[in-house]
N, C-alpha and C. Protein backbone atom coordinates (compact mmCIF):
# COMPACT_ATOMS: atom_id res chain seq x y z
N MET A 1 22.78 -20.92 7.77
CA MET A 1 22.95 -19.73 6.98
C MET A 1 23.57 -18.65 7.85
N GLU A 2 24.56 -17.99 7.34
CA GLU A 2 25.19 -16.89 8.04
C GLU A 2 24.97 -15.61 7.23
N VAL A 3 24.48 -14.60 7.89
CA VAL A 3 24.16 -13.35 7.21
C VAL A 3 24.91 -12.21 7.89
N THR A 4 25.46 -11.32 7.08
CA THR A 4 26.12 -10.13 7.58
C THR A 4 25.47 -8.92 6.92
N SER A 5 25.24 -7.90 7.71
CA SER A 5 24.60 -6.69 7.18
C SER A 5 25.27 -5.47 7.78
N THR A 6 25.30 -4.39 7.00
CA THR A 6 25.83 -3.13 7.50
C THR A 6 24.88 -2.01 7.13
N PHE A 7 25.02 -0.92 7.84
CA PHE A 7 24.19 0.25 7.61
C PHE A 7 25.05 1.48 7.84
N LYS A 8 25.03 2.40 6.89
CA LYS A 8 25.81 3.62 7.03
C LYS A 8 24.85 4.80 6.97
N GLU A 9 25.01 5.71 7.87
CA GLU A 9 24.15 6.88 7.95
C GLU A 9 25.01 8.13 7.80
N THR A 10 24.54 9.05 6.96
CA THR A 10 25.23 10.31 6.77
C THR A 10 24.23 11.43 6.98
N TYR A 11 24.55 12.36 7.83
CA TYR A 11 23.67 13.49 8.10
C TYR A 11 23.94 14.62 7.12
N ALA A 12 22.87 15.23 6.65
CA ALA A 12 23.00 16.37 5.75
C ALA A 12 23.26 17.63 6.56
N GLU A 13 23.88 18.56 5.92
CA GLU A 13 24.10 19.85 6.56
C GLU A 13 22.74 20.52 6.77
N PRO A 14 22.52 21.16 7.92
CA PRO A 14 21.24 21.83 8.17
C PRO A 14 20.87 22.79 7.04
N GLY A 15 19.62 22.69 6.60
CA GLY A 15 19.12 23.57 5.55
C GLY A 15 19.37 23.09 4.13
N THR A 16 20.04 21.94 3.96
CA THR A 16 20.37 21.48 2.60
C THR A 16 19.39 20.42 2.07
N VAL A 17 18.55 19.84 2.91
CA VAL A 17 17.62 18.80 2.46
C VAL A 17 16.48 19.44 1.67
N LYS A 18 16.32 18.99 0.42
CA LYS A 18 15.28 19.53 -0.44
C LYS A 18 14.14 18.54 -0.66
N GLN A 19 14.41 17.26 -0.46
CA GLN A 19 13.39 16.23 -0.65
C GLN A 19 13.61 15.11 0.35
N ARG A 20 12.53 14.65 0.97
CA ARG A 20 12.60 13.57 1.94
C ARG A 20 12.03 12.29 1.34
N ALA A 21 12.57 11.17 1.74
CA ALA A 21 12.06 9.87 1.32
C ALA A 21 11.48 9.18 2.54
N ALA A 22 10.32 8.55 2.38
CA ALA A 22 9.68 7.87 3.50
C ALA A 22 8.71 6.83 2.97
N THR A 23 8.35 5.91 3.83
CA THR A 23 7.33 4.92 3.53
C THR A 23 5.98 5.54 3.86
N TYR A 24 5.00 5.29 3.01
CA TYR A 24 3.65 5.81 3.24
C TYR A 24 2.67 4.66 3.09
N PHE A 25 1.79 4.48 4.05
CA PHE A 25 0.83 3.38 4.06
C PHE A 25 -0.52 3.87 3.55
N PHE A 26 -1.04 3.21 2.50
CA PHE A 26 -2.39 3.47 2.01
C PHE A 26 -3.19 2.21 2.32
N GLY A 27 -4.25 2.30 3.08
CA GLY A 27 -5.06 1.13 3.38
C GLY A 27 -5.79 1.29 4.69
N THR A 28 -6.18 0.16 5.27
CA THR A 28 -6.92 0.18 6.53
C THR A 28 -6.50 -0.99 7.41
N THR A 29 -6.63 -0.79 8.70
CA THR A 29 -6.44 -1.88 9.66
C THR A 29 -7.79 -2.34 10.19
N ASN A 30 -8.88 -1.77 9.67
CA ASN A 30 -10.24 -2.10 10.09
C ASN A 30 -10.71 -3.32 9.29
N ILE A 31 -10.19 -4.50 9.67
CA ILE A 31 -10.44 -5.74 8.94
C ILE A 31 -11.16 -6.72 9.87
N ASP A 32 -12.27 -7.28 9.40
CA ASP A 32 -13.03 -8.25 10.19
C ASP A 32 -13.65 -9.27 9.24
N VAL A 33 -12.87 -10.32 8.93
CA VAL A 33 -13.33 -11.35 8.01
C VAL A 33 -14.06 -12.42 8.81
N PRO A 34 -15.33 -12.69 8.46
CA PRO A 34 -16.10 -13.67 9.23
C PRO A 34 -15.54 -15.08 9.09
N PRO A 35 -15.83 -15.95 10.06
CA PRO A 35 -15.42 -17.35 9.95
C PRO A 35 -15.97 -17.96 8.66
N ASN A 36 -15.15 -18.74 7.98
CA ASN A 36 -15.55 -19.42 6.75
C ASN A 36 -16.22 -18.47 5.76
N GLY A 37 -15.69 -17.26 5.67
CA GLY A 37 -16.29 -16.26 4.80
C GLY A 37 -15.26 -15.44 4.05
N ALA A 38 -15.77 -14.53 3.26
CA ALA A 38 -14.93 -13.65 2.46
C ALA A 38 -15.24 -12.20 2.81
N LEU A 39 -14.30 -11.33 2.49
CA LEU A 39 -14.48 -9.90 2.74
C LEU A 39 -13.72 -9.13 1.67
N THR A 40 -14.35 -8.07 1.18
CA THR A 40 -13.69 -7.09 0.33
C THR A 40 -13.80 -5.76 1.04
N LYS A 41 -12.70 -5.07 1.15
CA LYS A 41 -12.67 -3.78 1.84
C LYS A 41 -12.02 -2.76 0.91
N THR A 42 -12.66 -1.60 0.78
CA THR A 42 -12.11 -0.52 -0.04
C THR A 42 -11.98 0.72 0.83
N VAL A 43 -10.86 1.39 0.68
CA VAL A 43 -10.62 2.63 1.39
C VAL A 43 -10.00 3.63 0.40
N THR A 44 -10.41 4.87 0.51
CA THR A 44 -9.86 5.92 -0.34
C THR A 44 -9.10 6.90 0.54
N CYS A 45 -7.87 7.18 0.15
CA CYS A 45 -6.99 8.05 0.93
C CYS A 45 -6.55 9.23 0.06
N THR A 46 -6.42 10.38 0.69
CA THR A 46 -5.86 11.54 0.00
C THR A 46 -4.57 11.93 0.71
N PRO A 47 -3.55 12.29 -0.04
CA PRO A 47 -2.28 12.64 0.60
C PRO A 47 -2.39 13.94 1.39
N PRO A 48 -1.73 14.03 2.52
CA PRO A 48 -1.77 15.25 3.34
C PRO A 48 -0.95 16.39 2.73
N ALA A 49 -0.06 16.04 1.81
CA ALA A 49 0.79 17.02 1.13
C ALA A 49 1.17 16.41 -0.22
N PRO A 50 1.55 17.22 -1.18
CA PRO A 50 1.99 16.66 -2.46
C PRO A 50 3.12 15.66 -2.25
N MET A 51 3.08 14.58 -3.02
CA MET A 51 4.13 13.56 -2.90
C MET A 51 4.38 12.92 -4.24
N SER A 52 5.47 12.21 -4.33
CA SER A 52 5.84 11.49 -5.54
C SER A 52 6.05 10.03 -5.17
N LEU A 53 5.22 9.16 -5.74
CA LEU A 53 5.37 7.72 -5.51
C LEU A 53 6.51 7.20 -6.37
N GLN A 54 7.41 6.46 -5.77
CA GLN A 54 8.52 5.87 -6.50
C GLN A 54 8.29 4.38 -6.74
N THR A 55 7.82 3.69 -5.69
CA THR A 55 7.51 2.26 -5.80
C THR A 55 6.23 1.98 -5.03
N MET A 56 5.64 0.83 -5.34
CA MET A 56 4.41 0.43 -4.65
C MET A 56 4.33 -1.09 -4.66
N PHE A 57 3.87 -1.64 -3.53
CA PHE A 57 3.61 -3.07 -3.49
C PHE A 57 2.52 -3.36 -2.47
N GLY A 58 1.81 -4.44 -2.70
CA GLY A 58 0.75 -4.86 -1.79
C GLY A 58 1.32 -5.64 -0.62
N HIS A 59 0.56 -5.67 0.47
CA HIS A 59 0.98 -6.46 1.63
C HIS A 59 -0.25 -7.09 2.27
N GLN A 60 -0.29 -8.42 2.26
CA GLN A 60 -1.34 -9.19 2.93
C GLN A 60 -0.68 -10.41 3.55
N HIS A 61 -1.43 -11.08 4.39
CA HIS A 61 -0.97 -12.34 4.93
C HIS A 61 -1.66 -13.47 4.18
N ARG A 62 -1.53 -14.71 4.63
CA ARG A 62 -1.91 -15.87 3.82
C ARG A 62 -3.39 -15.97 3.46
N ARG A 63 -4.26 -15.25 4.11
CA ARG A 63 -5.69 -15.29 3.75
C ARG A 63 -6.04 -14.20 2.73
N GLY A 64 -5.07 -13.36 2.39
CA GLY A 64 -5.30 -12.33 1.39
C GLY A 64 -5.39 -12.92 0.00
N THR A 65 -6.37 -12.48 -0.78
CA THR A 65 -6.55 -13.01 -2.13
C THR A 65 -6.41 -11.94 -3.21
N GLY A 66 -6.17 -10.69 -2.82
CA GLY A 66 -5.96 -9.68 -3.84
C GLY A 66 -5.85 -8.27 -3.28
N VAL A 67 -5.05 -7.47 -3.98
CA VAL A 67 -4.89 -6.04 -3.67
C VAL A 67 -4.91 -5.30 -5.01
N SER A 68 -5.72 -4.26 -5.08
CA SER A 68 -5.69 -3.39 -6.26
C SER A 68 -5.65 -1.94 -5.79
N VAL A 69 -5.00 -1.10 -6.59
CA VAL A 69 -4.85 0.31 -6.26
C VAL A 69 -5.21 1.14 -7.49
N ASP A 70 -6.11 2.09 -7.28
CA ASP A 70 -6.50 3.01 -8.34
C ASP A 70 -6.09 4.43 -7.97
N PHE A 71 -5.59 5.15 -8.95
CA PHE A 71 -5.27 6.57 -8.81
C PHE A 71 -6.46 7.36 -9.32
N ILE A 72 -6.95 8.30 -8.52
CA ILE A 72 -8.08 9.13 -8.91
C ILE A 72 -7.62 10.59 -8.90
N PRO A 73 -7.40 11.16 -10.10
CA PRO A 73 -6.98 12.56 -10.15
C PRO A 73 -8.09 13.48 -9.68
N GLY A 74 -7.72 14.52 -8.96
CA GLY A 74 -8.71 15.42 -8.37
C GLY A 74 -9.59 16.14 -9.36
N LYS A 75 -9.07 16.45 -10.54
CA LYS A 75 -9.85 17.23 -11.49
C LYS A 75 -10.79 16.38 -12.33
N SER A 76 -10.32 15.26 -12.88
CA SER A 76 -11.17 14.47 -13.78
C SER A 76 -12.00 13.42 -13.05
N GLY A 77 -11.45 12.88 -11.98
CA GLY A 77 -12.17 11.87 -11.23
C GLY A 77 -12.19 10.50 -11.88
N ALA A 78 -11.58 10.35 -13.07
CA ALA A 78 -11.55 9.05 -13.75
C ALA A 78 -10.46 8.18 -13.14
N ALA A 79 -10.85 7.05 -12.55
CA ALA A 79 -9.90 6.18 -11.87
C ALA A 79 -8.99 5.47 -12.88
N GLU A 80 -7.72 5.32 -12.50
CA GLU A 80 -6.75 4.60 -13.30
C GLU A 80 -6.08 3.53 -12.43
N ARG A 81 -6.14 2.28 -12.84
CA ARG A 81 -5.51 1.19 -12.09
C ARG A 81 -4.00 1.31 -12.22
N ILE A 82 -3.33 1.44 -11.07
CA ILE A 82 -1.87 1.56 -11.10
C ILE A 82 -1.15 0.39 -10.43
N TYR A 83 -1.93 -0.50 -9.79
CA TYR A 83 -1.31 -1.68 -9.17
C TYR A 83 -2.38 -2.74 -8.96
N GLU A 84 -1.97 -4.01 -9.15
CA GLU A 84 -2.88 -5.12 -8.86
C GLU A 84 -2.08 -6.40 -8.68
N THR A 85 -2.47 -7.19 -7.70
CA THR A 85 -1.85 -8.49 -7.48
C THR A 85 -2.83 -9.42 -6.78
N LYS A 86 -2.68 -10.69 -7.04
CA LYS A 86 -3.44 -11.73 -6.33
C LYS A 86 -2.50 -12.49 -5.39
N LEU A 87 -1.25 -12.10 -5.35
CA LEU A 87 -0.22 -12.80 -4.57
C LEU A 87 -0.05 -12.18 -3.19
N TRP A 88 -0.28 -12.95 -2.15
CA TRP A 88 -0.01 -12.44 -0.80
C TRP A 88 1.45 -12.68 -0.45
N GLU A 89 2.04 -13.71 -1.02
CA GLU A 89 3.43 -14.04 -0.72
C GLU A 89 4.29 -13.63 -1.93
N GLY A 90 5.16 -12.69 -1.73
CA GLY A 90 6.02 -12.22 -2.80
C GLY A 90 5.27 -11.38 -3.83
N PRO A 91 4.47 -10.39 -3.38
CA PRO A 91 3.76 -9.57 -4.36
C PRO A 91 4.75 -8.75 -5.20
N PRO A 92 4.39 -8.48 -6.46
CA PRO A 92 5.30 -7.71 -7.30
C PRO A 92 5.46 -6.27 -6.80
N ILE A 93 6.58 -5.69 -7.12
CA ILE A 93 6.86 -4.29 -6.78
C ILE A 93 6.75 -3.49 -8.07
N SER A 94 5.90 -2.48 -8.07
CA SER A 94 5.78 -1.57 -9.21
C SER A 94 6.71 -0.39 -8.99
N THR A 95 7.41 0.00 -10.04
CA THR A 95 8.30 1.16 -9.99
C THR A 95 7.76 2.20 -10.95
N PHE A 96 7.66 3.43 -10.49
CA PHE A 96 7.18 4.52 -11.32
C PHE A 96 8.38 5.35 -11.76
N GLU A 97 8.82 5.15 -12.99
CA GLU A 97 9.98 5.88 -13.52
C GLU A 97 9.74 7.38 -13.41
N GLY A 98 10.64 8.06 -12.76
CA GLY A 98 10.51 9.50 -12.59
C GLY A 98 9.52 9.90 -11.51
N GLY A 99 8.86 8.93 -10.91
CA GLY A 99 7.90 9.19 -9.84
C GLY A 99 6.49 9.42 -10.36
N ARG A 100 5.52 9.06 -9.55
CA ARG A 100 4.10 9.29 -9.85
C ARG A 100 3.61 10.36 -8.91
N THR A 101 3.32 11.54 -9.42
CA THR A 101 2.95 12.68 -8.58
C THR A 101 1.52 12.56 -8.08
N LEU A 102 1.34 12.78 -6.78
CA LEU A 102 0.02 12.85 -6.16
C LEU A 102 -0.11 14.24 -5.54
N GLY A 103 -1.16 14.93 -5.91
CA GLY A 103 -1.44 16.22 -5.30
C GLY A 103 -2.44 16.08 -4.17
N VAL A 104 -2.63 17.13 -3.40
CA VAL A 104 -3.56 17.06 -2.27
C VAL A 104 -5.01 16.87 -2.73
N GLY A 105 -5.33 17.17 -3.98
CA GLY A 105 -6.68 16.95 -4.48
C GLY A 105 -6.87 15.59 -5.11
N ASP A 106 -5.79 14.81 -5.23
CA ASP A 106 -5.87 13.47 -5.81
C ASP A 106 -6.20 12.45 -4.73
N ALA A 107 -6.53 11.24 -5.16
CA ALA A 107 -6.84 10.18 -4.19
C ALA A 107 -6.26 8.85 -4.67
N ILE A 108 -6.03 7.99 -3.70
CA ILE A 108 -5.63 6.61 -3.95
C ILE A 108 -6.74 5.72 -3.36
N LYS A 109 -7.29 4.83 -4.20
CA LYS A 109 -8.32 3.90 -3.72
C LYS A 109 -7.72 2.50 -3.68
N VAL A 110 -7.70 1.92 -2.49
CA VAL A 110 -7.12 0.59 -2.28
C VAL A 110 -8.25 -0.39 -1.99
N THR A 111 -8.26 -1.50 -2.71
CA THR A 111 -9.25 -2.55 -2.48
C THR A 111 -8.51 -3.84 -2.15
N CYS A 112 -8.90 -4.47 -1.04
CA CYS A 112 -8.28 -5.72 -0.61
C CYS A 112 -9.35 -6.79 -0.45
N ASP A 113 -8.99 -8.03 -0.80
CA ASP A 113 -9.89 -9.17 -0.69
C ASP A 113 -9.26 -10.24 0.19
N TRP A 114 -10.12 -10.91 0.97
CA TRP A 114 -9.67 -12.00 1.83
C TRP A 114 -10.64 -13.17 1.75
N GLN A 115 -10.12 -14.36 1.99
CA GLN A 115 -10.92 -15.57 2.12
C GLN A 115 -10.48 -16.26 3.40
N ASN A 116 -11.41 -16.36 4.35
CA ASN A 116 -11.11 -16.97 5.65
C ASN A 116 -11.72 -18.36 5.70
N ASP A 117 -10.90 -19.37 5.60
CA ASP A 117 -11.38 -20.76 5.64
C ASP A 117 -11.31 -21.36 7.04
N SER A 118 -11.09 -20.53 8.04
CA SER A 118 -10.99 -21.02 9.41
C SER A 118 -12.31 -20.79 10.15
N PRO A 119 -12.51 -21.45 11.28
CA PRO A 119 -13.75 -21.29 12.04
C PRO A 119 -13.75 -20.07 12.97
N THR A 120 -12.70 -19.24 12.93
CA THR A 120 -12.64 -18.06 13.80
C THR A 120 -12.54 -16.78 12.96
N ARG A 121 -13.00 -15.68 13.55
CA ARG A 121 -12.92 -14.38 12.87
C ARG A 121 -11.46 -14.03 12.62
N LEU A 122 -11.24 -13.26 11.60
CA LEU A 122 -9.89 -12.87 11.22
C LEU A 122 -9.81 -11.35 11.14
N GLY A 123 -8.85 -10.76 11.82
CA GLY A 123 -8.71 -9.31 11.80
C GLY A 123 -7.25 -8.89 11.89
N TYR A 124 -7.06 -7.60 11.90
CA TYR A 124 -5.73 -7.02 12.05
C TYR A 124 -5.23 -7.29 13.48
N PRO A 125 -4.01 -7.65 13.72
CA PRO A 125 -2.84 -7.69 12.84
C PRO A 125 -2.58 -9.06 12.20
N HIS A 126 -3.50 -10.01 12.41
CA HIS A 126 -3.28 -11.34 11.82
C HIS A 126 -3.49 -11.31 10.32
N GLU A 127 -4.18 -10.31 9.84
CA GLU A 127 -4.32 -10.07 8.41
C GLU A 127 -4.20 -8.59 8.16
N MET A 128 -3.70 -8.23 7.00
CA MET A 128 -3.51 -6.82 6.62
C MET A 128 -3.94 -6.65 5.19
């Protein structure tokens, strides 16, 4: 297989950038799945500044059995499921048309599940 790739970068004029795009990680690296055991880990994150989610996808390695994400608005506190997958390989990508706004009072709750069928403990970075 032969692959060719290119990348073009254009700098904006100073003072003209009104919105930045970046990757943001919601989750934990504090993973310790016992030998021949299972683990479910939940972490709740609040954004450091208002942001707009455009896309979202889960990321696990081969022992991952599920990722779910709930949006918890700061005022009502009623959780809303905005993402879920059982696929560690090729998880679906969710797109939020027009963006999903998160304020500093809102939260994202991420729950991940693992099944370790090996005789050794499993942790980050071998699993995420």
